[in-house]
């Protein structure tokens, strides 16, 4: 985890895909991939105030409680918002306006269809992307600091790393042992990486659960300049 302090504001855009695949960790040898299934994309959601489908995603408290839909009038525009053409190839992304360390947590309790998709696969894939540096975005860092999963309320919080099943391809030079990280300087380029989390070793816990909650946490120092960090379907 980065420990130095440089100020700017973090904005994230998220969408998620579950799939079976072969990932970089050599200890995993997986069967051929079935069709990939989206559990969150927001590609077709109309931008509020038009009625928008949140696909079950909500703002979570530090204890995992539901603090309202990502599109609730009290949350949309201040904590979450849809942006267009943030990542090449994706019409829309969900931006999460993080204010520090996991203060704006994006969460979901998987619905019946999402639950079936998740438990019939073993890898969660997403992209993690940032824009180029500038005069106002000339220092600091952004990182995916924690991922939480709770089958039947049994809380598990893990730091993304190779040891916890995470692997990445793309712009990964600032990553730390499988944790997605970007450092910034005034001339830093736009960057993107594909992040994969292999959870096949946990499937027995997920399959036996009546519900599954997932929570995504990112971190950045105190805010002055906006940084769109985009996580979108592959």
Foldseek 3Di string as FASTA:
>chain_A
DDDDFDAAWEKEWAWKKFKADDDDPPVDDTDDIDDIDTQGFQLPFDWPPPDGDLSAKAWAAPLGDGPGGCPPPVNEPPAWGWDAPPDPPGGITIMGGDAFWQHGKIKGKGDPVRLVNNLVGFKMKKKWKWAAAAPVFAWWKKWFAWKWKAFQHNIDIDGAAVVQAKDKDWPQPPPDRRTRMDTGHHGGHITMMMMMGGGPVVSVSSVPGPIMMIITIMGTHGHDHYMYTYIHDD
